[in-house]
Amino acid sequence: MRITLKNSDNLGFLSSIVCFVHCLITPFFYITFAGIFNQNEFIIYSWKGINAIFLFVSLIAVNRSTKKTKSKIIKPIFWISWSFLFLILLNEEVNFIDLPELLSYISALNLAGLHVYNLNFCGCKDENCCIK
């Protein structure tokens, strides 16, 4: 199977997996490099800014995937899942509610799973099949 980033589901899957890995290794970086993170605010904000990049890329992937999918039920599920990820990451920045880190892992993996499902069962085989 050839993976191309032209397909929004491939892009969304890749973005979600990289986001998951980023969420997974962040606590280890903070523990390992605690002195550096405490002394340099630029590094802290740069590392947290990666979340915004993942959200933007996943927003593009979800938008394109919902336009091309054949399944009517997967469209709202995509948007609910992306909104859930957005709210969790926003909560991490603002800290409205104390939520377990596990929710961000589940949210990222959920989006990755949705993209894989859509790619295999609901998506178009070429770029022009669902364009109206």
N, C-alpha and C. Protein backbone atom coordinates (compact mmCIF):
# COMPACT_ATOMS: atom_id res chain seq x y z
N MET A 1 0.84 -1.18 0.00
CA MET A 1 0.00 0.00 0.00
C MET A 1 0.89 1.24 0.00
N ARG A 2 0.68 2.09 -0.96
CA ARG A 2 1.45 3.32 -1.07
C ARG A 2 0.74 4.43 -0.30
N ILE A 3 1.46 5.07 0.60
CA ILE A 3 0.88 6.14 1.39
C ILE A 3 1.23 7.47 0.75
N THR A 4 0.21 8.23 0.40
CA THR A 4 0.43 9.56 -0.14
C THR A 4 -0.29 10.57 0.74
N LEU A 5 0.26 11.75 0.85
CA LEU A 5 -0.36 12.78 1.65
C LEU A 5 -1.44 13.53 0.88
N LYS A 6 -1.66 13.16 -0.39
CA LYS A 6 -2.75 13.75 -1.15
C LYS A 6 -4.09 13.29 -0.59
N ASN A 7 -4.12 12.09 -0.05
CA ASN A 7 -5.33 11.56 0.54
C ASN A 7 -5.46 12.13 1.95
N SER A 8 -6.58 12.77 2.23
CA SER A 8 -6.77 13.41 3.52
C SER A 8 -6.80 12.42 4.67
N ASP A 9 -7.23 11.19 4.42
CA ASP A 9 -7.24 10.19 5.49
C ASP A 9 -5.82 9.76 5.85
N ASN A 10 -4.95 9.66 4.87
CA ASN A 10 -3.54 9.36 5.17
C ASN A 10 -2.91 10.50 5.97
N LEU A 11 -3.18 11.73 5.54
CA LEU A 11 -2.67 12.90 6.26
C LEU A 11 -3.22 12.94 7.68
N GLY A 12 -4.51 12.70 7.84
CA GLY A 12 -5.13 12.71 9.16
C GLY A 12 -4.59 11.61 10.05
N PHE A 13 -4.40 10.42 9.50
CA PHE A 13 -3.85 9.32 10.27
C PHE A 13 -2.44 9.64 10.73
N LEU A 14 -1.61 10.12 9.81
CA LEU A 14 -0.23 10.46 10.15
C LEU A 14 -0.18 11.57 11.20
N SER A 15 -0.99 12.59 11.03
CA SER A 15 -1.03 13.70 11.99
C SER A 15 -1.48 13.22 13.36
N SER A 16 -2.50 12.37 13.40
CA SER A 16 -3.01 11.86 14.68
C SER A 16 -1.99 10.99 15.40
N ILE A 17 -1.29 10.16 14.65
CA ILE A 17 -0.28 9.29 15.27
C ILE A 17 0.90 10.11 15.79
N VAL A 18 1.34 11.09 15.01
CA VAL A 18 2.44 11.94 15.47
C VAL A 18 1.99 12.76 16.68
N CYS A 19 0.74 13.21 16.69
CA CYS A 19 0.19 13.92 17.84
C CYS A 19 0.17 13.02 19.07
N PHE A 20 -0.23 11.77 18.89
CA PHE A 20 -0.24 10.80 19.98
C PHE A 20 1.16 10.61 20.55
N VAL A 21 2.14 10.45 19.67
CA VAL A 21 3.53 10.27 20.12
C VAL A 21 4.00 11.53 20.84
N HIS A 22 3.66 12.69 20.32
CA HIS A 22 4.02 13.95 20.97
C HIS A 22 3.43 14.02 22.38
N CYS A 23 2.15 13.65 22.51
CA CYS A 23 1.51 13.65 23.84
C CYS A 23 2.15 12.63 24.77
N LEU A 24 2.56 11.53 24.20
CA LEU A 24 3.15 10.45 25.00
C LEU A 24 4.53 10.81 25.52
N ILE A 25 5.34 11.47 24.71
CA ILE A 25 6.72 11.74 25.13
C ILE A 25 6.88 13.07 25.87
N THR A 26 5.88 13.93 25.82
CA THR A 26 5.99 15.23 26.49
C THR A 26 6.33 15.10 27.98
N PRO A 27 5.64 14.27 28.76
CA PRO A 27 6.01 14.17 30.18
C PRO A 27 7.45 13.72 30.39
N PHE A 28 7.94 12.84 29.53
CA PHE A 28 9.32 12.38 29.66
C PHE A 28 10.32 13.50 29.36
N PHE A 29 9.99 14.35 28.39
CA PHE A 29 10.85 15.49 28.10
C PHE A 29 10.88 16.47 29.27
N TYR A 30 9.71 16.71 29.86
CA TYR A 30 9.67 17.62 31.00
C TYR A 30 10.46 17.08 32.19
N ILE A 31 10.38 15.79 32.41
CA ILE A 31 11.13 15.19 33.52
C ILE A 31 12.63 15.20 33.22
N THR A 32 13.00 14.78 32.02
CA THR A 32 14.40 14.67 31.65
C THR A 32 15.09 16.03 31.57
N PHE A 33 14.41 17.00 31.00
CA PHE A 33 15.02 18.31 30.78
C PHE A 33 14.37 19.38 31.65
N ALA A 34 14.06 19.03 32.88
CA ALA A 34 13.35 19.95 33.78
C ALA A 34 14.10 21.26 33.95
N GLY A 35 15.40 21.21 34.09
CA GLY A 35 16.18 22.43 34.27
C GLY A 35 16.11 23.35 33.07
N ILE A 36 16.15 22.78 31.89
CA ILE A 36 16.11 23.58 30.66
C ILE A 36 14.73 24.21 30.49
N PHE A 37 13.68 23.42 30.74
CA PHE A 37 12.32 23.94 30.57
C PHE A 37 12.01 25.02 31.59
N ASN A 38 12.52 24.90 32.80
CA ASN A 38 12.27 25.91 33.81
C ASN A 38 13.01 27.21 33.53
N GLN A 39 14.13 27.15 32.83
CA GLN A 39 14.94 28.33 32.59
C GLN A 39 14.59 29.04 31.29
N ASN A 40 13.98 28.36 30.34
CA ASN A 40 13.75 28.94 29.03
C ASN A 40 12.28 28.85 28.66
N GLU A 41 11.57 29.98 28.75
CA GLU A 41 10.14 29.98 28.43
C GLU A 41 9.89 29.77 26.94
N PHE A 42 10.84 30.17 26.09
CA PHE A 42 10.68 29.98 24.66
C PHE A 42 10.52 28.50 24.32
N ILE A 43 11.31 27.65 24.97
CA ILE A 43 11.23 26.21 24.72
C ILE A 43 9.88 25.67 25.15
N ILE A 44 9.37 26.13 26.29
CA ILE A 44 8.07 25.68 26.77
C ILE A 44 6.98 26.04 25.77
N TYR A 45 6.95 27.30 25.33
CA TYR A 45 5.90 27.74 24.41
C TYR A 45 6.07 27.14 23.02
N SER A 46 7.30 26.89 22.62
CA SER A 46 7.53 26.24 21.32
C SER A 46 7.02 24.81 21.35
N TRP A 47 7.31 24.10 22.44
CA TRP A 47 6.87 22.71 22.55
C TRP A 47 5.35 22.64 22.61
N LYS A 48 4.73 23.56 23.35
CA LYS A 48 3.26 23.58 23.43
C LYS A 48 2.65 24.06 22.11
N GLY A 49 3.38 24.89 21.37
CA GLY A 49 2.87 25.38 20.09
C GLY A 49 2.72 24.30 19.04
N ILE A 50 3.39 23.20 19.25
CA ILE A 50 3.25 22.08 18.32
C ILE A 50 1.81 21.58 18.33
N ASN A 51 1.12 21.70 19.47
CA ASN A 51 -0.29 21.31 19.55
C ASN A 51 -1.12 22.07 18.53
N ALA A 52 -0.85 23.36 18.36
CA ALA A 52 -1.60 24.16 17.40
C ALA A 52 -1.37 23.67 15.98
N ILE A 53 -0.15 23.26 15.69
CA ILE A 53 0.15 22.73 14.35
C ILE A 53 -0.63 21.44 14.11
N PHE A 54 -0.64 20.54 15.11
CA PHE A 54 -1.40 19.30 14.96
C PHE A 54 -2.89 19.58 14.78
N LEU A 55 -3.42 20.52 15.53
CA LEU A 55 -4.84 20.85 15.40
C LEU A 55 -5.15 21.40 14.01
N PHE A 56 -4.28 22.25 13.50
CA PHE A 56 -4.51 22.83 12.18
C PHE A 56 -4.46 21.76 11.08
N VAL A 57 -3.45 20.91 11.13
CA VAL A 57 -3.32 19.85 10.12
C VAL A 57 -4.50 18.88 10.23
N SER A 58 -4.88 18.53 11.45
CA SER A 58 -6.00 17.60 11.60
C SER A 58 -7.31 18.25 11.18
N LEU A 59 -7.44 19.56 11.37
CA LEU A 59 -8.64 20.27 10.91
C LEU A 59 -8.76 20.18 9.39
N ILE A 60 -7.66 20.39 8.70
CA ILE A 60 -7.65 20.28 7.23
C ILE A 60 -8.01 18.85 6.81
N ALA A 61 -7.40 17.87 7.48
CA ALA A 61 -7.66 16.47 7.12
C ALA A 61 -9.11 16.08 7.38
N VAL A 62 -9.66 16.50 8.51
CA VAL A 62 -11.06 16.18 8.83
C VAL A 62 -11.99 16.88 7.84
N ASN A 63 -11.71 18.12 7.53
CA ASN A 63 -12.55 18.85 6.58
C ASN A 63 -12.56 18.16 5.21
N ARG A 64 -11.40 17.80 4.71
CA ARG A 64 -11.32 17.14 3.41
C ARG A 64 -11.92 15.75 3.45
N SER A 65 -11.71 15.02 4.53
CA SER A 65 -12.25 13.66 4.64
C SER A 65 -13.77 13.68 4.70
N THR A 66 -14.34 14.65 5.41
CA THR A 66 -15.81 14.71 5.48
C THR A 66 -16.43 15.11 4.15
N LYS A 67 -15.69 15.83 3.34
CA LYS A 67 -16.20 16.19 2.02
C LYS A 67 -16.15 15.01 1.06
N LYS A 68 -15.22 14.08 1.27
CA LYS A 68 -15.03 12.99 0.32
C LYS A 68 -15.63 11.66 0.77
N THR A 69 -16.05 11.56 2.00
CA THR A 69 -16.55 10.28 2.47
C THR A 69 -17.91 9.94 1.88
N LYS A 70 -18.17 8.68 1.75
CA LYS A 70 -19.46 8.21 1.27
C LYS A 70 -20.45 8.03 2.42
N SER A 71 -19.95 7.87 3.62
CA SER A 71 -20.79 7.60 4.79
C SER A 71 -21.32 8.89 5.39
N LYS A 72 -22.63 8.96 5.60
CA LYS A 72 -23.22 10.14 6.20
C LYS A 72 -23.01 10.18 7.71
N ILE A 73 -22.87 9.03 8.34
CA ILE A 73 -22.70 8.98 9.79
C ILE A 73 -21.28 9.34 10.22
N ILE A 74 -20.32 9.09 9.35
CA ILE A 74 -18.91 9.33 9.72
C ILE A 74 -18.62 10.84 9.76
N LYS A 75 -19.38 11.64 9.00
CA LYS A 75 -19.14 13.08 8.98
C LYS A 75 -19.29 13.72 10.36
N PRO A 76 -20.42 13.54 11.04
CA PRO A 76 -20.52 14.15 12.38
C PRO A 76 -19.57 13.51 13.39
N ILE A 77 -19.26 12.25 13.21
CA ILE A 77 -18.33 11.60 14.13
C ILE A 77 -16.94 12.21 14.00
N PHE A 78 -16.53 12.50 12.77
CA PHE A 78 -15.25 13.19 12.55
C PHE A 78 -15.23 14.54 13.28
N TRP A 79 -16.29 15.33 13.08
CA TRP A 79 -16.31 16.67 13.67
C TRP A 79 -16.42 16.63 15.20
N ILE A 80 -17.16 15.68 15.73
CA ILE A 80 -17.25 15.54 17.18
C ILE A 80 -15.89 15.13 17.74
N SER A 81 -15.21 14.22 17.07
CA SER A 81 -13.90 13.76 17.52
C SER A 81 -12.86 14.87 17.46
N TRP A 82 -12.89 15.65 16.37
CA TRP A 82 -11.94 16.76 16.27
C TRP A 82 -12.24 17.82 17.34
N SER A 83 -13.52 18.11 17.56
CA SER A 83 -13.90 19.08 18.58
C SER A 83 -13.46 18.62 19.97
N PHE A 84 -13.59 17.33 20.23
CA PHE A 84 -13.16 16.76 21.51
C PHE A 84 -11.65 16.96 21.69
N LEU A 85 -10.87 16.67 20.64
CA LEU A 85 -9.43 16.88 20.71
C LEU A 85 -9.10 18.35 20.92
N PHE A 86 -9.78 19.23 20.21
CA PHE A 86 -9.57 20.66 20.37
C PHE A 86 -9.85 21.11 21.79
N LEU A 87 -10.97 20.68 22.35
CA LEU A 87 -11.33 21.08 23.71
C LEU A 87 -10.34 20.54 24.75
N ILE A 88 -9.87 19.33 24.54
CA ILE A 88 -8.89 18.77 25.47
C ILE A 88 -7.59 19.56 25.43
N LEU A 89 -7.12 19.88 24.22
CA LEU A 89 -5.87 20.64 24.10
C LEU A 89 -6.05 22.08 24.59
N LEU A 90 -7.20 22.66 24.36
CA LEU A 90 -7.48 23.99 24.89
C LEU A 90 -7.49 23.96 26.41
N ASN A 91 -8.10 22.93 26.97
CA ASN A 91 -8.14 22.77 28.43
C ASN A 91 -6.73 22.61 29.00
N GLU A 92 -5.84 21.93 28.28
CA GLU A 92 -4.47 21.80 28.76
C GLU A 92 -3.77 23.15 28.85
N GLU A 93 -4.08 24.04 27.92
CA GLU A 93 -3.45 25.36 27.93
C GLU A 93 -4.05 26.28 28.99
N VAL A 94 -5.38 26.26 29.12
CA VAL A 94 -6.07 27.18 30.00
C VAL A 94 -6.32 26.57 31.38
N ASN A 95 -6.44 25.25 31.44
CA ASN A 95 -6.65 24.48 32.67
C ASN A 95 -7.97 24.83 33.36
N PHE A 96 -9.07 24.70 32.62
CA PHE A 96 -10.41 24.88 33.19
C PHE A 96 -10.71 23.78 34.20
N ILE A 97 -10.52 22.55 33.75
CA ILE A 97 -10.84 21.37 34.55
C ILE A 97 -9.60 20.48 34.57
N ASP A 98 -9.36 19.85 35.69
CA ASP A 98 -8.24 18.92 35.78
C ASP A 98 -8.65 17.59 35.15
N LEU A 99 -8.14 17.32 33.95
CA LEU A 99 -8.47 16.11 33.21
C LEU A 99 -7.25 15.21 33.14
N PRO A 100 -7.47 13.91 33.12
CA PRO A 100 -6.32 13.00 32.98
C PRO A 100 -5.72 13.08 31.58
N GLU A 101 -4.42 12.89 31.51
CA GLU A 101 -3.69 12.93 30.24
C GLU A 101 -4.18 11.84 29.28
N LEU A 102 -4.74 10.79 29.83
CA LEU A 102 -5.24 9.68 29.03
C LEU A 102 -6.27 10.14 27.99
N LEU A 103 -7.04 11.18 28.30
CA LEU A 103 -8.05 11.66 27.36
C LEU A 103 -7.43 12.19 26.08
N SER A 104 -6.28 12.85 26.17
CA SER A 104 -5.64 13.33 24.94
C SER A 104 -5.13 12.17 24.10
N TYR A 105 -4.63 11.11 24.76
CA TYR A 105 -4.19 9.92 24.03
C TYR A 105 -5.36 9.27 23.31
N ILE A 106 -6.44 9.10 24.02
CA ILE A 106 -7.64 8.46 23.44
C ILE A 106 -8.17 9.29 22.28
N SER A 107 -8.19 10.59 22.45
CA SER A 107 -8.71 11.47 21.41
C SER A 107 -7.88 11.40 20.13
N ALA A 108 -6.56 11.42 20.27
CA ALA A 108 -5.68 11.34 19.10
C ALA A 108 -5.81 9.99 18.41
N LEU A 109 -5.84 8.92 19.19
CA LEU A 109 -5.98 7.59 18.60
C LEU A 109 -7.35 7.39 17.97
N ASN A 110 -8.38 8.02 18.55
CA ASN A 110 -9.72 7.94 17.99
C ASN A 110 -9.75 8.57 16.60
N LEU A 111 -9.15 9.74 16.46
CA LEU A 111 -9.11 10.37 15.14
C LEU A 111 -8.31 9.54 14.14
N ALA A 112 -7.21 8.96 14.59
CA ALA A 112 -6.42 8.09 13.70
C ALA A 112 -7.26 6.90 13.26
N GLY A 113 -7.97 6.31 14.19
CA GLY A 113 -8.83 5.16 13.87
C GLY A 113 -9.95 5.53 12.91
N LEU A 114 -10.54 6.70 13.08
CA LEU A 114 -11.59 7.16 12.17
C LEU A 114 -11.05 7.34 10.75
N HIS A 115 -9.85 7.89 10.64
CA HIS A 115 -9.25 8.06 9.31
C HIS A 115 -8.96 6.70 8.66
N VAL A 116 -8.49 5.76 9.43
CA VAL A 116 -8.23 4.41 8.88
C VAL A 116 -9.55 3.77 8.45
N TYR A 117 -10.57 3.87 9.29
CA TYR A 117 -11.88 3.31 8.94
C TYR A 117 -12.41 3.95 7.66
N ASN A 118 -12.35 5.27 7.61
CA ASN A 118 -12.86 5.98 6.44
C ASN A 118 -12.06 5.62 5.19
N LEU A 119 -10.76 5.48 5.33
CA LEU A 119 -9.90 5.12 4.20
C LEU A 119 -10.26 3.74 3.66
N ASN A 120 -10.51 2.80 4.55
CA ASN A 120 -10.75 1.42 4.12
C ASN A 120 -12.19 1.13 3.73
N PHE A 121 -13.17 1.80 4.33
CA PHE A 121 -14.55 1.40 4.12
C PHE A 121 -15.45 2.48 3.54
N CYS A 122 -15.11 3.74 3.70
CA CYS A 122 -16.03 4.81 3.30
C CYS A 122 -15.46 5.77 2.28
N GLY A 123 -14.18 5.76 2.09
CA GLY A 123 -13.54 6.78 1.25
C GLY A 123 -13.60 6.47 -0.22
N CYS A 124 -13.20 7.44 -0.97
CA CYS A 124 -13.13 7.31 -2.42
C CYS A 124 -11.82 6.66 -2.83
N LYS A 125 -11.84 5.98 -3.92
CA LYS A 125 -10.63 5.32 -4.41
C LYS A 125 -9.73 6.26 -5.21
N ASP A 126 -10.31 7.31 -5.80
CA ASP A 126 -9.48 8.30 -6.49
C ASP A 126 -9.90 9.70 -6.04
N GLU A 127 -9.22 10.69 -6.53
CA GLU A 127 -9.43 12.06 -6.06
C GLU A 127 -10.73 12.68 -6.57
N ASN A 128 -11.31 12.15 -7.64
CA ASN A 128 -12.46 12.80 -8.27
C ASN A 128 -13.79 12.08 -8.04
N CYS A 129 -13.81 10.98 -7.33
CA CYS A 129 -15.04 10.20 -7.26
C CYS A 129 -16.15 10.85 -6.45
N CYS A 130 -15.83 11.65 -5.47
CA CYS A 130 -16.87 12.23 -4.61
C CYS A 130 -17.05 13.72 -4.82
N ILE A 131 -16.32 14.31 -5.74
CA ILE A 131 -16.45 15.73 -5.99
C ILE A 131 -17.68 15.97 -6.83
N LYS A 132 -18.52 16.89 -6.38
CA LYS A 132 -19.77 17.16 -7.11
C LYS A 132 -19.67 18.46 -7.86
